[in-house]
Amino acid sequence: MSHFYFKTMDNDGMIPGDLPFEFPDLFAAVEEAKHVLAEMALDGLPQRPGGTLGIEVQNGDRSAIVRLRLELKVDYINSS
């Protein structure tokens, strides 16, 4: 098992991951990060267009190895 940290970015700002999580490998850590990101979206989408929710997966040395991002994009269609 390997240790991973999740640093999150939401509407309130950046929150460093203080507690390590154990996963058998990076792929399992990324799958869990996807679930956490979905739960963050349930609490509220980004407040402005271009805003993002995100998770940075860090290894045991706290070096960033994967970033997941959910972006709110609004496109207005000109119907003239």
PDB file of N, CA and C in Angstrom:
ATOM      1  N   MET A   1       0.839  -1.178   0.000  1.00  0.00           N
ATOM      2  CA  MET A   1       0.000   0.000   0.000  1.00  0.00           C
ATOM      3  C   MET A   1       0.889   1.248   0.000  1.00  0.00           C
ATOM      4  N   SER A   2       0.433   2.250  -0.706  1.00  0.00           N
ATOM      5  CA  SER A   2       1.164   3.515  -0.788  1.00  0.00           C
ATOM      6  C   SER A   2       0.326   4.638  -0.194  1.00  0.00           C
ATOM      7  N   HIS A   3       1.016   5.648   0.306  1.00  0.00           N
ATOM      8  CA  HIS A   3       0.338   6.810   0.871  1.00  0.00           C
ATOM      9  C   HIS A   3       0.170   7.889  -0.194  1.00  0.00           C
ATOM     10  N   PHE A   4      -1.020   8.504  -0.197  1.00  0.00           N
ATOM     11  CA  PHE A   4      -1.327   9.608  -1.096  1.00  0.00           C
ATOM     12  C   PHE A   4      -2.043  10.685  -0.299  1.00  0.00           C
ATOM     13  N   TYR A   5      -1.836  11.924  -0.709  1.00  0.00           N
ATOM     14  CA  TYR A   5      -2.520  13.069  -0.111  1.00  0.00           C
ATOM     15  C   TYR A   5      -3.402  13.698  -1.178  1.00  0.00           C
ATOM     16  N   PHE A   6      -4.540  14.263  -0.758  1.00  0.00           N
ATOM     17  CA  PHE A   6      -5.448  14.964  -1.664  1.00  0.00           C
ATOM     18  C   PHE A   6      -5.503  16.432  -1.258  1.00  0.00           C
ATOM     19  N   LYS A   7      -4.991  17.288  -2.101  1.00  0.00           N
ATOM     20  CA  LYS A   7      -5.092  18.734  -1.902  1.00  0.00           C
ATOM     21  C   LYS A   7      -6.299  19.192  -2.712  1.00  0.00           C
ATOM     22  N   THR A   8      -7.265  19.856  -2.082  1.00  0.00           N
ATOM     23  CA  THR A   8      -8.494  20.203  -2.787  1.00  0.00           C
ATOM     24  C   THR A   8      -8.606  21.714  -3.001  1.00  0.00           C
ATOM     25  N   MET A   9      -9.298  22.064  -4.091  1.00  0.00           N
ATOM     26  CA  MET A   9      -9.601  23.452  -4.402  1.00  0.00           C
ATOM     27  C   MET A   9     -11.099  23.534  -4.651  1.00  0.00           C
ATOM     28  N   ASP A  10     -11.790  24.375  -3.859  1.00  0.00           N
ATOM     29  CA  ASP A  10     -13.232  24.526  -4.036  1.00  0.00           C
ATOM     30  C   ASP A  10     -13.596  25.997  -3.975  1.00  0.00           C
ATOM     31  N   ASN A  11     -14.874  26.270  -3.822  1.00  0.00           N
ATOM     32  CA  ASN A  11     -15.338  27.660  -3.801  1.00  0.00           C
ATOM     33  C   ASN A  11     -14.778  28.451  -2.624  1.00  0.00           C
ATOM     34  N   ASP A  12     -14.310  27.765  -1.597  1.00  0.00           N
ATOM     35  CA  ASP A  12     -13.756  28.433  -0.420  1.00  0.00           C
ATOM     36  C   ASP A  12     -12.248  28.604  -0.484  1.00  0.00           C
ATOM     37  N   GLY A  13     -11.605  28.038  -1.496  1.00  0.00           N
ATOM     38  CA  GLY A  13     -10.158  28.168  -1.639  1.00  0.00           C
ATOM     39  C   GLY A  13      -9.455  26.823  -1.635  1.00  0.00           C
ATOM     40  N   MET A  14      -8.145  26.859  -1.388  1.00  0.00           N
ATOM     41  CA  MET A  14      -7.290  25.677  -1.417  1.00  0.00           C
ATOM     42  C   MET A  14      -7.187  25.085  -0.016  1.00  0.00           C
ATOM     43  N   ILE A  15      -7.316  23.764   0.055  1.00  0.00           N
ATOM     44  CA  ILE A  15      -7.210  23.069   1.333  1.00  0.00           C
ATOM     45  C   ILE A  15      -6.150  21.974   1.181  1.00  0.00           C
ATOM     46  N   PRO A  16      -5.023  22.108   1.886  1.00  0.00           N
ATOM     47  CA  PRO A  16      -3.999  21.076   1.780  1.00  0.00           C
ATOM     48  C   PRO A  16      -4.475  19.776   2.429  1.00  0.00           C
ATOM     49  N   GLY A  17      -4.073  18.667   1.871  1.00  0.00           N
ATOM     50  CA  GLY A  17      -4.412  17.374   2.457  1.00  0.00           C
ATOM     51  C   GLY A  17      -3.460  17.059   3.584  1.00  0.00           C
ATOM     52  N   ASP A  18      -3.950  17.099   4.795  1.00  0.00           N
ATOM     53  CA  ASP A  18      -3.084  16.876   5.949  1.00  0.00           C
ATOM     54  C   ASP A  18      -2.924  15.404   6.305  1.00  0.00           C
ATOM     55  N   LEU A  19      -3.942  14.607   5.997  1.00  0.00           N
ATOM     56  CA  LEU A  19      -3.900  13.195   6.369  1.00  0.00           C
ATOM     57  C   LEU A  19      -3.664  12.329   5.134  1.00  0.00           C
ATOM     58  N   PRO A  20      -2.780  11.359   5.243  1.00  0.00           N
ATOM     59  CA  PRO A  20      -2.542  10.474   4.096  1.00  0.00           C
ATOM     60  C   PRO A  20      -3.639   9.417   3.975  1.00  0.00           C
ATOM     61  N   PHE A  21      -3.868   9.003   2.746  1.00  0.00           N
ATOM     62  CA  PHE A  21      -4.775   7.895   2.449  1.00  0.00           C
ATOM     63  C   PHE A  21      -3.942   6.771   1.864  1.00  0.00           C
ATOM     64  N   GLU A  22      -4.311   5.538   2.159  1.00  0.00           N
ATOM     65  CA  GLU A  22      -3.586   4.383   1.624  1.00  0.00           C
ATOM     66  C   GLU A  22      -4.366   3.760   0.479  1.00  0.00           C
ATOM     67  N   PHE A  23      -3.667   3.527  -0.629  1.00  0.00           N
ATOM     68  CA  PHE A  23      -4.243   2.858  -1.789  1.00  0.00           C
ATOM     69  C   PHE A  23      -3.208   1.884  -2.327  1.00  0.00           C
ATOM     70  N   PRO A  24      -3.684   0.841  -3.008  1.00  0.00           N
ATOM     71  CA  PRO A  24      -2.732  -0.127  -3.547  1.00  0.00           C
ATOM     72  C   PRO A  24      -1.843   0.456  -4.644  1.00  0.00           C
ATOM     73  N   ASP A  25      -2.358   1.465  -5.383  1.00  0.00           N
ATOM     74  CA  ASP A  25      -1.565   2.067  -6.449  1.00  0.00           C
ATOM     75  C   ASP A  25      -2.156   3.422  -6.831  1.00  0.00           C
ATOM     76  N   LEU A  26      -1.484   4.091  -7.752  1.00  0.00           N
ATOM     77  CA  LEU A  26      -1.921   5.412  -8.187  1.00  0.00           C
ATOM     78  C   LEU A  26      -3.300   5.366  -8.829  1.00  0.00           C
ATOM     79  N   PHE A  27      -3.585   4.329  -9.594  1.00  0.00           N
ATOM     80  CA  PHE A  27      -4.874   4.238 -10.281  1.00  0.00           C
ATOM     81  C   PHE A  27      -6.035   4.183  -9.282  1.00  0.00           C
ATOM     82  N   ALA A  28      -5.852   3.490  -8.189  1.00  0.00           N
ATOM     83  CA  ALA A  28      -6.879   3.430  -7.148  1.00  0.00           C
ATOM     84  C   ALA A  28      -7.037   4.800  -6.479  1.00  0.00           C
ATOM     85  N   ALA A  29      -5.937   5.506  -6.285  1.00  0.00           N
ATOM     86  CA  ALA A  29      -5.998   6.846  -5.696  1.00  0.00           C
ATOM     87  C   ALA A  29      -6.750   7.808  -6.617  1.00  0.00           C
ATOM     88  N   VAL A  30      -6.506   7.712  -7.920  1.00  0.00           N
ATOM     89  CA  VAL A  30      -7.200   8.573  -8.882  1.00  0.00           C
ATOM     90  C   VAL A  30      -8.687   8.256  -8.912  1.00  0.00           C
ATOM     91  N   GLU A  31      -9.048   6.990  -8.839  1.00  0.00           N
ATOM     92  CA  GLU A  31     -10.470   6.624  -8.804  1.00  0.00           C
ATOM     93  C   GLU A  31     -11.158   7.226  -7.589  1.00  0.00           C
ATOM     94  N   GLU A  32     -10.496   7.171  -6.443  1.00  0.00           N
ATOM     95  CA  GLU A  32     -11.081   7.772  -5.240  1.00  0.00           C
ATOM     96  C   GLU A  32     -11.163   9.290  -5.384  1.00  0.00           C
ATOM     97  N   ALA A  33     -10.149   9.905  -5.979  1.00  0.00           N
ATOM     98  CA  ALA A  33     -10.174  11.353  -6.196  1.00  0.00           C
ATOM     99  C   ALA A  33     -11.351  11.751  -7.087  1.00  0.00           C
ATOM    100  N   LYS A  34     -11.696  10.928  -8.065  1.00  0.00           N
ATOM    101  CA  LYS A  34     -12.863  11.189  -8.914  1.00  0.00           C
ATOM    102  C   LYS A  34     -14.139  11.206  -8.080  1.00  0.00           C
ATOM    103  N   HIS A  35     -14.262  10.265  -7.163  1.00  0.00           N
ATOM    104  CA  HIS A  35     -15.444  10.204  -6.294  1.00  0.00           C
ATOM    105  C   HIS A  35     -15.513  11.425  -5.378  1.00  0.00           C
ATOM    106  N   VAL A  36     -14.371  11.817  -4.837  1.00  0.00           N
ATOM    107  CA  VAL A  36     -14.331  12.986  -3.967  1.00  0.00           C
ATOM    108  C   VAL A  36     -14.700  14.242  -4.757  1.00  0.00           C
ATOM    109  N   LEU A  37     -14.215  14.351  -5.985  1.00  0.00           N
ATOM    110  CA  LEU A  37     -14.540  15.503  -6.823  1.00  0.00           C
ATOM    111  C   LEU A  37     -16.035  15.553  -7.130  1.00  0.00           C
ATOM    112  N   ALA A  38     -16.648  14.414  -7.371  1.00  0.00           N
ATOM    113  CA  ALA A  38     -18.094  14.362  -7.610  1.00  0.00           C
ATOM    114  C   ALA A  38     -18.862  14.806  -6.364  1.00  0.00           C
ATOM    115  N   GLU A  39     -18.402  14.392  -5.184  1.00  0.00           N
ATOM    116  CA  GLU A  39     -19.047  14.813  -3.939  1.00  0.00           C
ATOM    117  C   GLU A  39     -18.890  16.318  -3.725  1.00  0.00           C
ATOM    118  N   MET A  40     -17.733  16.860  -4.100  1.00  0.00           N
ATOM    119  CA  MET A  40     -17.532  18.300  -3.997  1.00  0.00           C
ATOM    120  C   MET A  40     -18.521  19.036  -4.891  1.00  0.00           C
ATOM    121  N   ALA A  41     -18.786  18.504  -6.080  1.00  0.00           N
ATOM    122  CA  ALA A  41     -19.726  19.134  -7.010  1.00  0.00           C
ATOM    123  C   ALA A  41     -21.143  19.124  -6.444  1.00  0.00           C
ATOM    124  N   LEU A  42     -21.490  18.082  -5.688  1.00  0.00           N
ATOM    125  CA  LEU A  42     -22.805  18.039  -5.060  1.00  0.00           C
ATOM    126  C   LEU A  42     -22.981  19.166  -4.038  1.00  0.00           C
ATOM    127  N   ASP A  43     -21.882  19.565  -3.417  1.00  0.00           N
ATOM    128  CA  ASP A  43     -21.930  20.651  -2.436  1.00  0.00           C
ATOM    129  C   ASP A  43     -22.042  22.021  -3.102  1.00  0.00           C
ATOM    130  N   GLY A  44     -21.754  22.095  -4.379  1.00  0.00           N
ATOM    131  CA  GLY A  44     -21.869  23.359  -5.110  1.00  0.00           C
ATOM    132  C   GLY A  44     -20.890  23.437  -6.248  1.00  0.00           C
ATOM    133  N   LEU A  45     -21.409  23.761  -7.419  1.00  0.00           N
ATOM    134  CA  LEU A  45     -20.563  23.955  -8.589  1.00  0.00           C
ATOM    135  C   LEU A  45     -19.748  25.235  -8.429  1.00  0.00           C
ATOM    136  N   PRO A  46     -18.721  25.421  -9.246  1.00  0.00           N
ATOM    137  CA  PRO A  46     -17.991  26.684  -9.179  1.00  0.00           C
ATOM    138  C   PRO A  46     -18.960  27.866  -9.298  1.00  0.00           C
ATOM    139  N   GLN A  47     -18.662  28.934  -8.595  1.00  0.00           N
ATOM    140  CA  GLN A  47     -19.584  30.055  -8.498  1.00  0.00           C
ATOM    141  C   GLN A  47     -19.575  30.983  -9.703  1.00  0.00           C
ATOM    142  N   ARG A  48     -18.555  30.915 -10.516  1.00  0.00           N
ATOM    143  CA  ARG A  48     -18.492  31.788 -11.681  1.00  0.00           C
ATOM    144  C   ARG A  48     -18.009  30.996 -12.884  1.00  0.00           C
ATOM    145  N   PRO A  49     -18.399  31.417 -14.076  1.00  0.00           N
ATOM    146  CA  PRO A  49     -17.889  30.744 -15.273  1.00  0.00           C
ATOM    147  C   PRO A  49     -16.368  30.781 -15.286  1.00  0.00           C
ATOM    148  N   GLY A  50     -15.771  29.696 -15.662  1.00  0.00           N
ATOM    149  CA  GLY A  50     -14.314  29.584 -15.639  1.00  0.00           C
ATOM    150  C   GLY A  50     -13.782  29.113 -14.302  1.00  0.00           C
ATOM    151  N   GLY A  51     -14.640  29.079 -13.283  1.00  0.00           N
ATOM    152  CA  GLY A  51     -14.222  28.598 -11.974  1.00  0.00           C
ATOM    153  C   GLY A  51     -14.058  27.084 -11.989  1.00  0.00           C
ATOM    154  N   THR A  52     -13.256  26.566 -11.105  1.00  0.00           N
ATOM    155  CA  THR A  52     -13.005  25.135 -11.083  1.00  0.00           C
ATOM    156  C   THR A  52     -13.083  24.568  -9.673  1.00  0.00           C
ATOM    157  N   LEU A  53     -13.387  23.295  -9.630  1.00  0.00           N
ATOM    158  CA  LEU A  53     -13.191  22.477  -8.439  1.00  0.00           C
ATOM    159  C   LEU A  53     -12.051  21.538  -8.812  1.00  0.00           C
ATOM    160  N   GLY A  54     -11.195  21.246  -7.878  1.00  0.00           N
ATOM    161  CA  GLY A  54     -10.082  20.393  -8.245  1.00  0.00           C
ATOM    162  C   GLY A  54      -9.497  19.627  -7.085  1.00  0.00           C
ATOM    163  N   ILE A  55      -8.779  18.589  -7.467  1.00  0.00           N
ATOM    164  CA  ILE A  55      -8.033  17.772  -6.505  1.00  0.00           C
ATOM    165  C   ILE A  55      -6.648  17.520  -7.095  1.00  0.00           C
ATOM    166  N   GLU A  56      -5.656  17.748  -6.274  1.00  0.00           N
ATOM    167  CA  GLU A  56      -4.286  17.408  -6.647  1.00  0.00           C
ATOM    168  C   GLU A  56      -3.908  16.178  -5.841  1.00  0.00           C
ATOM    169  N   VAL A  57      -3.584  15.109  -6.508  1.00  0.00           N
ATOM    170  CA  VAL A  57      -3.127  13.889  -5.836  1.00  0.00           C
ATOM    171  C   VAL A  57      -1.620  14.010  -5.664  1.00  0.00           C
ATOM    172  N   GLN A  58      -1.186  13.846  -4.435  1.00  0.00           N
ATOM    173  CA  GLN A  58       0.239  13.942  -4.115  1.00  0.00           C
ATOM    174  C   GLN A  58       0.734  12.596  -3.600  1.00  0.00           C
ATOM    175  N   ASN A  59       1.991  12.291  -3.882  1.00  0.00           N
ATOM    176  CA  ASN A  59       2.570  11.041  -3.391  1.00  0.00           C
ATOM    177  C   ASN A  59       2.971  11.187  -1.926  1.00  0.00           C
ATOM    178  N   GLY A  60       3.593  10.170  -1.382  1.00  0.00           N
ATOM    179  CA  GLY A  60       3.986  10.172   0.023  1.00  0.00           C
ATOM    180  C   GLY A  60       4.964  11.270   0.384  1.00  0.00           C
ATOM    181  N   ASP A  61       5.707  11.772  -0.612  1.00  0.00           N
ATOM    182  CA  ASP A  61       6.638  12.884  -0.394  1.00  0.00           C
ATOM    183  C   ASP A  61       5.956  14.232  -0.573  1.00  0.00           C
ATOM    184  N   ARG A  62       4.644  14.197  -0.826  1.00  0.00           N
ATOM    185  CA  ARG A  62       3.814  15.384  -1.030  1.00  0.00           C
ATOM    186  C   ARG A  62       4.146  16.122  -2.319  1.00  0.00           C
ATOM    187  N   SER A  63       4.645  15.381  -3.299  1.00  0.00           N
ATOM    188  CA  SER A  63       4.870  15.945  -4.628  1.00  0.00           C
ATOM    189  C   SER A  63       3.629  15.673  -5.469  1.00  0.00           C
ATOM    190  N   ALA A  64       3.181  16.683  -6.223  1.00  0.00           N
ATOM    191  CA  ALA A  64       2.003  16.529  -7.072  1.00  0.00           C
ATOM    192  C   ALA A  64       2.297  15.525  -8.187  1.00  0.00           C
ATOM    193  N   ILE A  65       1.356  14.578  -8.384  1.00  0.00           N
ATOM    194  CA  ILE A  65       1.541  13.599  -9.449  1.00  0.00           C
ATOM    195  C   ILE A  65       0.350  13.538 -10.406  1.00  0.00           C
ATOM    196  N   VAL A  66      -0.833  13.975  -9.969  1.00  0.00           N
ATOM    197  CA  VAL A  66      -2.021  13.995 -10.831  1.00  0.00           C
ATOM    198  C   VAL A  66      -2.899  15.160 -10.388  1.00  0.00           C
ATOM    199  N   ARG A  67      -3.499  15.846 -11.365  1.00  0.00           N
ATOM    200  CA  ARG A  67      -4.484  16.892 -11.058  1.00  0.00           C
ATOM    201  C   ARG A  67      -5.784  16.563 -11.768  1.00  0.00           C
ATOM    202  N   LEU A  68      -6.880  16.622 -11.026  1.00  0.00           N
ATOM    203  CA  LEU A  68      -8.214  16.433 -11.589  1.00  0.00           C
ATOM    204  C   LEU A  68      -8.946  17.756 -11.423  1.00  0.00           C
ATOM    205  N   ARG A  69      -9.713  18.142 -12.451  1.00  0.00           N
ATOM    206  CA  ARG A  69     -10.371  19.437 -12.412  1.00  0.00           C
ATOM    207  C   ARG A  69     -11.758  19.332 -13.021  1.00  0.00           C
ATOM    208  N   LEU A  70     -12.707  19.967 -12.368  1.00  0.00           N
ATOM    209  CA  LEU A  70     -14.062  20.086 -12.884  1.00  0.00           C
ATOM    210  C   LEU A  70     -14.292  21.568 -13.108  1.00  0.00           C
ATOM    211  N   GLU A  71     -14.527  21.934 -14.368  1.00  0.00           N
ATOM    212  CA  GLU A  71     -14.638  23.340 -14.739  1.00  0.00           C
ATOM    213  C   GLU A  71     -16.066  23.677 -15.149  1.00  0.00           C
ATOM    214  N   LEU A  72     -16.535  24.836 -14.727  1.00  0.00           N
ATOM    215  CA  LEU A  72     -17.832  25.343 -15.172  1.00  0.00           C
ATOM    216  C   LEU A  72     -17.580  26.232 -16.378  1.00  0.00           C
ATOM    217  N   LYS A  73     -18.173  25.855 -17.498  1.00  0.00           N
ATOM    218  CA  LYS A  73     -18.005  26.624 -18.728  1.00  0.00           C
ATOM    219  C   LYS A  73     -19.386  26.993 -19.242  1.00  0.00           C
ATOM    220  N   VAL A  74     -19.581  28.265 -19.517  1.00  0.00           N
ATOM    221  CA  VAL A  74     -20.852  28.755 -20.031  1.00  0.00           C
ATOM    222  C   VAL A  74     -20.587  29.384 -21.392  1.00  0.00           C
ATOM    223  N   ASP A  75     -21.244  28.880 -22.425  1.00  0.00           N
ATOM    224  CA  ASP A  75     -21.126  29.430 -23.769  1.00  0.00           C
ATOM    225  C   ASP A  75     -22.476  29.996 -24.178  1.00  0.00           C
ATOM    226  N   TYR A  76     -22.521  31.273 -24.508  1.00  0.00           N
ATOM    227  CA  TYR A  76     -23.741  31.896 -25.008  1.00  0.00           C
ATOM    228  C   TYR A  76     -23.736  31.771 -26.533  1.00  0.00           C
ATOM    229  N   ILE A  77     -24.825  31.290 -27.072  1.00  0.00           N
ATOM    230  CA  ILE A  77     -24.958  31.074 -28.507  1.00  0.00           C
ATOM    231  C   ILE A  77     -25.711  32.256 -29.112  1.00  0.00           C
ATOM    232  N   ASN A  78     -25.104  32.885 -30.077  1.00  0.00           N
ATOM    233  CA  ASN A  78     -25.738  34.006 -30.771  1.00  0.00           C
ATOM    234  C   ASN A  78     -26.722  33.432 -31.783  1.00  0.00           C
ATOM    235  N   SER A  79     -28.005  33.700 -31.577  1.00  0.00           N
ATOM    236  CA  SER A  79     -29.029  33.140 -32.458  1.00  0.00           C
ATOM    237  C   SER A  79     -29.664  34.220 -33.339  1.00  0.00           C
ATOM    238  N   SER A  80     -28.828  35.002 -33.992  1.00  0.00           N
ATOM    239  CA  SER A  80     -29.375  36.056 -34.844  1.00  0.00           C
ATOM    240  C   SER A  80     -29.585  35.631 -36.271  1.00  0.00           C
TER     241      SER A  80
END
